[in-house]
Amino acid sequence: MKEISQDTQNILLTLKKVATETLERKQRLGEYAVVWHQGKPVILEPKSK
């Protein structure tokens, strides 16, 4: 298997961080989010207060 360069690892880490922060913000605002799960789009409903 081909090794991933340090630059690529840093980019992936940054993308994961931004995605996590965005999903957390949407949850705090009470907004839904659409994510991919097992090859299909899934709607994540906001938690009720």
Protein backbone atom coordinates (compact mmCIF):
# COMPACT_ATOMS: atom_id res chain seq x y z
CA MET A 1 0.00 0.00 0.00
CA LYS A 2 1.25 3.48 -0.84
CA GLU A 3 2.22 5.67 2.09
CA ILE A 4 0.42 8.97 2.53
CA SER A 5 2.64 12.04 2.55
CA GLN A 6 2.78 14.29 5.60
CA ASP A 7 1.10 17.10 3.61
CA THR A 8 -1.79 14.80 2.69
CA GLN A 9 -2.13 13.63 6.29
CA ASN A 10 -2.27 17.27 7.44
CA ILE A 11 -4.94 18.08 4.86
CA LEU A 12 -7.06 15.08 5.91
CA LEU A 13 -6.72 16.00 9.58
CA THR A 14 -7.79 19.58 8.83
CA LEU A 15 -10.81 18.41 6.80
CA LYS A 16 -11.91 16.08 9.60
CA LYS A 17 -11.58 18.90 12.15
CA VAL A 18 -13.60 21.33 10.04
CA ALA A 19 -16.31 18.73 9.37
CA THR A 20 -16.60 17.93 13.08
CA GLU A 21 -16.79 21.61 14.02
CA THR A 22 -19.43 22.25 11.36
CA LEU A 23 -21.62 19.35 12.51
CA GLU A 24 -21.32 20.48 16.13
CA ARG A 25 -22.29 24.04 15.17
CA LYS A 26 -25.30 22.84 13.17
CA GLN A 27 -26.41 20.76 16.16
CA ARG A 28 -26.11 23.75 18.53
CA LEU A 29 -28.16 25.86 16.11
CA GLY A 30 -30.84 23.16 15.84
CA GLU A 31 -30.22 22.57 12.13
CA TYR A 32 -30.28 19.24 10.33
CA ALA A 33 -27.26 17.83 8.51
CA VAL A 34 -26.88 15.35 5.66
CA VAL A 35 -23.98 12.89 5.86
CA TRP A 36 -22.94 9.76 3.96
CA HIS A 37 -23.35 6.48 5.84
CA GLN A 38 -22.65 3.13 4.19
CA GLY A 39 -22.81 4.69 0.73
CA LYS A 40 -26.13 6.47 1.23
CA PRO A 41 -27.13 9.97 2.33
CA VAL A 42 -28.58 10.12 5.83
CA ILE A 43 -30.32 13.10 7.43
CA LEU A 44 -29.23 13.83 10.98
CA GLU A 45 -32.09 15.56 12.73
CA PRO A 46 -31.29 18.10 15.45
CA LYS A 47 -31.69 16.91 19.01
CA SER A 48 -34.84 18.27 20.60
CA LYS A 49 -34.36 20.60 23.53
